[in-house]
Amino acid sequence: MSHPIIALWSHPRSMSTAFERIMRARGDLTCLHEPFMYDYYINRAKKQMPHFDAMDDHPRSYDAIRDMIIRKAEQGPVFFKDMSYYVIPHMLEDDAFLRRVTHSFLIRDPRASITSYAKLDPDFTSEELGYEAQWRHIEGLAGKTERPPVIVLSERVQVDPQGEMHRYWQGVGLSDKPEALHWGDDVPKDWQQVASWHANASSSKTVQPLTPEKRKEIEAEFEKLAAAQPRFRQMFAQHVPFYEKLARLGAHP
């Protein structure tokens, strides 16, 4: 029997790990953490990913990872969060899997993502920032999926977690489970391969609110970073049009 496969396509430092934590706390999904990272960083990337300790038993090619996900969905519903840049262009050439998956996307203000990303990997590339790949990804889905892709803005989740998650779950065909917005201390085993990237999500027990003061702090941090390293301002200028187009698709009253 085939069960749903729900994918959250994100970009780095988009609050996607906290989002994944919510999905795990539901208790009714098999959850996978960035399975396609293995294909990208082992086979295709131009640089190494810092703090990535690959597990020996994890499949390492696009085809093998896809097949693992499909096998798991024979046992029950599957959710995985991943990055669009890991699977572009492979997925756009894989119509059967593209149609099999329920697609959703998570985006965050690029200033916040760039500032956070630079702290963990100051040498990240424009491709790794990820917004352009997300846009190419969502364009490639047009007319090919039963459900329209759900686009979530992480700032909206921080401001109204219950309302935004209700909308998300409804959009991907899941029941409402507001109790999943709070989780326990156990850190998922498959986070160990990239533990340094997820310190905040590992130590928190719910989504952290976004205050006006925090917004100003993020803007100031980005300006300071961009003044010291102008390449980050150039990256922002390259990717913000894709972010804005995705945000318009995700807009709702």
Protein backbone atom coordinates (compact mmCIF):
# COMPACT_ATOMS: atom_id res chain seq x y z
CA MET A 1 0.00 0.00 0.00
CA SER A 2 1.25 3.49 -0.82
CA HIS A 3 0.93 6.26 1.76
CA PRO A 4 1.45 10.02 1.34
CA ILE A 5 4.92 11.48 0.92
CA ILE A 6 5.09 15.12 2.05
CA ALA A 7 8.18 17.18 1.28
CA LEU A 8 9.14 20.53 2.78
CA TRP A 9 11.56 22.21 0.37
CA SER A 10 13.50 24.90 2.18
CA HIS A 11 16.73 26.87 2.04
CA PRO A 12 19.40 26.93 4.78
CA ARG A 13 18.61 28.78 8.00
CA SER A 14 14.92 29.08 7.16
CA MET A 15 13.66 27.70 10.50
CA SER A 16 13.09 24.40 8.69
CA THR A 17 14.54 22.27 11.48
CA ALA A 18 12.08 23.70 14.01
CA PHE A 19 9.34 23.06 11.44
CA GLU A 20 10.55 19.48 11.14
CA ARG A 21 10.48 19.22 14.94
CA ILE A 22 6.78 20.11 14.85
CA MET A 23 6.12 17.46 12.21
CA ARG A 24 7.94 14.84 14.26
CA ALA A 25 5.94 15.79 17.36
CA ARG A 26 2.70 14.88 15.53
CA GLY A 27 3.62 11.22 16.05
CA ASP A 28 1.85 9.96 12.92
CA LEU A 29 4.61 10.38 10.31
CA THR A 30 7.95 8.79 9.51
CA CYS A 31 10.21 11.85 9.36
CA LEU A 32 13.49 12.14 7.46
CA HIS A 33 16.08 14.88 7.83
CA GLU A 34 17.53 16.15 4.54
CA PRO A 35 18.02 12.76 2.89
CA PHE A 36 19.08 14.28 -0.45
CA MET A 37 21.95 16.11 1.26
CA TYR A 38 23.99 12.96 0.69
CA ASP A 39 23.68 13.08 -3.08
CA TYR A 40 24.48 16.79 -3.27
CA TYR A 41 27.41 17.06 -0.86
CA ILE A 42 29.00 13.68 -1.60
CA ASN A 43 28.53 13.58 -5.38
CA ARG A 44 27.88 17.04 -6.79
CA ALA A 45 28.89 19.96 -4.56
CA LYS A 46 31.83 22.23 -5.37
CA LYS A 47 32.81 22.42 -1.69
CA GLN A 48 32.51 20.38 1.48
CA MET A 49 29.69 21.04 3.90
CA PRO A 50 31.10 21.99 7.32
CA HIS A 51 30.01 19.90 10.30
CA PHE A 52 28.60 17.07 8.11
CA ASP A 53 29.36 13.61 9.50
CA ALA A 54 27.91 11.23 6.89
CA MET A 55 26.33 8.00 8.15
CA ASP A 56 27.73 4.87 6.51
CA ASP A 57 24.35 3.20 6.03
CA HIS A 58 22.61 6.13 4.30
CA PRO A 59 22.02 5.89 0.52
CA ARG A 60 24.16 8.36 -1.41
CA SER A 61 22.74 8.76 -4.91
CA TYR A 62 19.58 10.57 -5.97
CA ASP A 63 17.98 7.34 -7.23
CA ALA A 64 18.84 5.34 -4.11
CA ILE A 65 17.57 8.08 -1.77
CA ARG A 66 14.33 8.43 -3.75
CA ASP A 67 13.80 4.66 -3.66
CA MET A 68 14.39 4.60 0.13
CA ILE A 69 11.69 7.26 0.62
CA ILE A 70 9.23 5.36 -1.59
CA ARG A 71 9.88 2.12 0.34
CA LYS A 72 9.23 3.86 3.65
CA ALA A 73 5.93 5.18 2.26
CA GLU A 74 4.80 1.59 1.69
CA GLN A 75 4.70 1.23 5.50
CA GLY A 76 3.10 4.57 6.42
CA PRO A 77 2.99 8.32 5.64
CA VAL A 78 6.36 10.01 5.24
CA PHE A 79 7.48 13.60 5.80
CA PHE A 80 10.92 14.84 4.87
CA LYS A 81 12.48 18.28 4.85
CA ASP A 82 15.17 19.04 2.33
CA MET A 83 16.70 21.77 0.18
CA SER A 84 15.59 22.45 -3.38
CA TYR A 85 19.19 22.96 -4.50
CA TYR A 86 19.95 19.35 -3.49
CA VAL A 87 17.49 17.95 -6.05
CA ILE A 88 17.57 20.44 -8.94
CA PRO A 89 17.69 19.45 -11.78
CA HIS A 90 17.25 15.74 -10.92
CA MET A 91 13.70 15.98 -9.61
CA LEU A 92 12.46 18.06 -12.52
CA GLU A 93 13.54 15.18 -14.78
CA ASP A 94 11.84 12.57 -12.57
CA ASP A 95 8.14 13.00 -13.36
CA ALA A 96 6.96 9.89 -11.51
CA PHE A 97 8.47 10.92 -8.17
CA LEU A 98 7.61 14.58 -8.69
CA ARG A 99 3.94 13.60 -9.06
CA ARG A 100 4.13 11.13 -6.17
CA VAL A 101 5.15 13.79 -3.63
CA THR A 102 3.00 16.44 -1.94
CA HIS A 103 5.20 19.53 -2.20
CA SER A 104 5.52 22.44 0.20
CA PHE A 105 8.05 25.25 0.54
CA LEU A 106 9.41 27.24 3.48
CA ILE A 107 11.03 30.65 3.05
CA ARG A 108 12.52 33.24 5.39
CA ASP A 109 13.68 36.85 4.94
CA PRO A 110 17.06 36.48 3.18
CA ARG A 111 18.68 38.96 5.54
CA ALA A 112 17.97 36.65 8.47
CA SER A 113 19.09 33.55 6.59
CA ILE A 114 22.31 35.08 5.27
CA THR A 115 23.31 36.40 8.69
CA SER A 116 22.63 33.07 10.39
CA TYR A 117 24.27 31.04 7.61
CA ALA A 118 27.47 33.09 7.65
CA LYS A 119 28.00 32.28 11.33
CA LEU A 120 28.12 28.54 10.56
CA ASP A 121 29.68 28.58 7.10
CA PRO A 122 31.17 31.93 6.07
CA ASP A 123 32.18 30.44 2.70
CA PHE A 124 28.72 29.33 1.58
CA THR A 125 28.00 29.76 -2.11
CA SER A 126 25.20 31.58 -3.89
CA GLU A 127 23.78 28.23 -4.99
CA GLU A 128 23.66 27.09 -1.37
CA LEU A 129 21.67 30.15 -0.31
CA GLY A 130 18.92 28.36 -2.16
CA TYR A 131 16.12 30.78 -3.13
CA GLU A 132 16.81 30.60 -6.86
CA ALA A 133 16.65 26.80 -6.75
CA GLN A 134 13.35 26.98 -4.86
CA TRP A 135 11.89 29.19 -7.57
CA ARG A 136 13.12 26.87 -10.35
CA HIS A 137 11.67 23.98 -8.37
CA ILE A 138 8.22 25.47 -7.96
CA GLU A 139 8.14 26.53 -11.61
CA GLY A 140 8.89 22.93 -12.56
CA LEU A 141 5.85 21.69 -10.63
CA ALA A 142 3.37 23.75 -12.62
CA GLY A 143 0.51 21.60 -13.87
CA LYS A 144 2.09 18.35 -12.68
CA THR A 145 0.75 17.86 -9.13
CA GLU A 146 -2.70 17.11 -7.72
CA ARG A 147 -2.36 19.59 -4.87
CA PRO A 148 -0.96 23.08 -5.38
CA PRO A 149 2.29 23.48 -3.42
CA VAL A 150 1.88 25.12 -0.02
CA ILE A 151 4.26 28.02 0.62
CA VAL A 152 4.98 28.98 4.23
CA LEU A 153 6.78 32.08 5.48
CA SER A 154 8.74 31.27 8.61
CA GLU A 155 8.05 34.71 10.13
CA ARG A 156 4.33 33.97 9.94
CA VAL A 157 4.86 30.71 11.83
CA GLN A 158 6.75 32.61 14.53
CA VAL A 159 3.98 35.19 14.87
CA ASP A 160 1.02 32.77 14.69
CA PRO A 161 2.27 29.17 15.00
CA GLN A 162 -1.13 27.57 15.60
CA GLY A 163 -2.87 29.39 12.75
CA GLU A 164 -0.06 28.86 10.25
CA MET A 165 0.40 25.18 11.06
CA HIS A 166 -3.36 24.63 10.79
CA ARG A 167 -3.25 26.17 7.32
CA TYR A 168 -0.20 24.10 6.39
CA TRP A 169 -1.63 20.81 7.59
CA GLN A 170 -4.88 21.48 5.78
CA GLY A 171 -2.92 22.29 2.61
CA VAL A 172 -0.93 19.05 2.62
CA GLY A 173 -3.85 16.83 3.64
CA LEU A 174 -3.12 16.23 7.33
CA SER A 175 -5.34 16.58 10.38
CA ASP A 176 -4.85 19.49 12.76
CA LYS A 177 -2.58 18.67 15.74
CA PRO A 178 -1.89 21.86 17.70
CA GLU A 179 -0.31 19.82 20.51
CA ALA A 180 2.64 19.20 18.16
CA LEU A 181 3.71 22.82 18.61
CA HIS A 182 5.38 21.73 21.85
CA TRP A 183 7.89 18.90 21.96
CA GLY A 184 10.14 17.08 24.40
CA ASP A 185 13.89 16.91 25.00
CA ASP A 186 14.74 13.96 22.75
CA VAL A 187 16.92 14.96 19.79
CA PRO A 188 16.21 12.96 16.62
CA LYS A 189 18.93 10.40 15.89
CA ASP A 190 19.42 11.51 12.29
CA TRP A 191 20.25 15.06 13.42
CA GLN A 192 23.56 13.75 14.77
CA GLN A 193 25.08 13.84 11.28
CA VAL A 194 24.74 17.66 11.28
CA ALA A 195 24.38 18.39 14.99
CA SER A 196 26.30 21.69 14.94
CA TRP A 197 23.76 23.19 12.55
CA HIS A 198 20.78 22.65 14.83
CA ALA A 199 21.76 23.76 18.32
CA ASN A 200 18.79 26.11 18.73
CA ALA A 201 16.19 23.64 17.45
CA SER A 202 17.73 20.89 19.60
CA SER A 203 17.52 22.91 22.81
CA SER A 204 14.14 24.59 22.27
CA LYS A 205 10.71 23.09 23.01
CA THR A 206 8.55 25.29 20.81
CA VAL A 207 8.78 27.87 18.01
CA GLN A 208 10.55 31.02 19.16
CA PRO A 209 8.40 34.17 18.74
CA LEU A 210 9.47 36.96 16.42
CA THR A 211 9.26 40.35 18.14
CA PRO A 212 9.66 43.82 16.56
CA GLU A 213 12.90 44.14 18.54
CA LYS A 214 14.20 40.88 17.05
CA ARG A 215 13.34 42.07 13.52
CA LYS A 216 15.40 45.24 14.07
CA GLU A 217 18.26 43.19 15.48
CA ILE A 218 18.27 40.95 12.39
CA GLU A 219 18.30 43.96 10.04
CA ALA A 220 21.17 45.57 11.97
CA GLU A 221 23.19 42.33 11.98
CA PHE A 222 22.76 41.96 8.23
CA GLU A 223 23.86 45.53 7.55
CA LYS A 224 26.95 45.04 9.70
CA LEU A 225 27.80 41.77 7.92
CA ALA A 226 27.22 43.21 4.44
CA ALA A 227 29.34 46.26 5.18
CA ALA A 228 32.23 44.05 6.24
CA GLN A 229 31.76 41.52 3.42
CA PRO A 230 30.05 43.05 0.38
CA ARG A 231 29.60 39.67 -1.33
CA PHE A 232 26.70 38.99 1.05
CA ARG A 233 24.91 42.11 -0.15
CA GLN A 234 25.44 40.92 -3.71
CA MET A 235 23.94 37.54 -2.80
CA PHE A 236 20.98 39.28 -1.21
CA ALA A 237 20.41 41.30 -4.39
CA GLN A 238 20.58 38.13 -6.51
CA HIS A 239 18.19 36.08 -4.41
CA VAL A 240 15.69 38.60 -3.05
CA PRO A 241 13.67 38.69 -6.32
CA PHE A 242 13.12 34.92 -6.03
CA TYR A 243 12.19 35.28 -2.37
CA GLU A 244 9.69 38.02 -3.22
CA LYS A 245 8.07 35.94 -5.96
CA LEU A 246 7.75 32.97 -3.62
CA ALA A 247 6.38 35.20 -0.85
CA ARG A 248 3.68 36.55 -3.17
CA LEU A 249 2.60 32.98 -3.97
CA GLY A 250 2.47 32.25 -0.24
CA ALA A 251 0.50 35.37 0.66
CA HIS A 252 -2.90 34.95 2.28
CA PRO A 253 -5.26 37.19 4.25
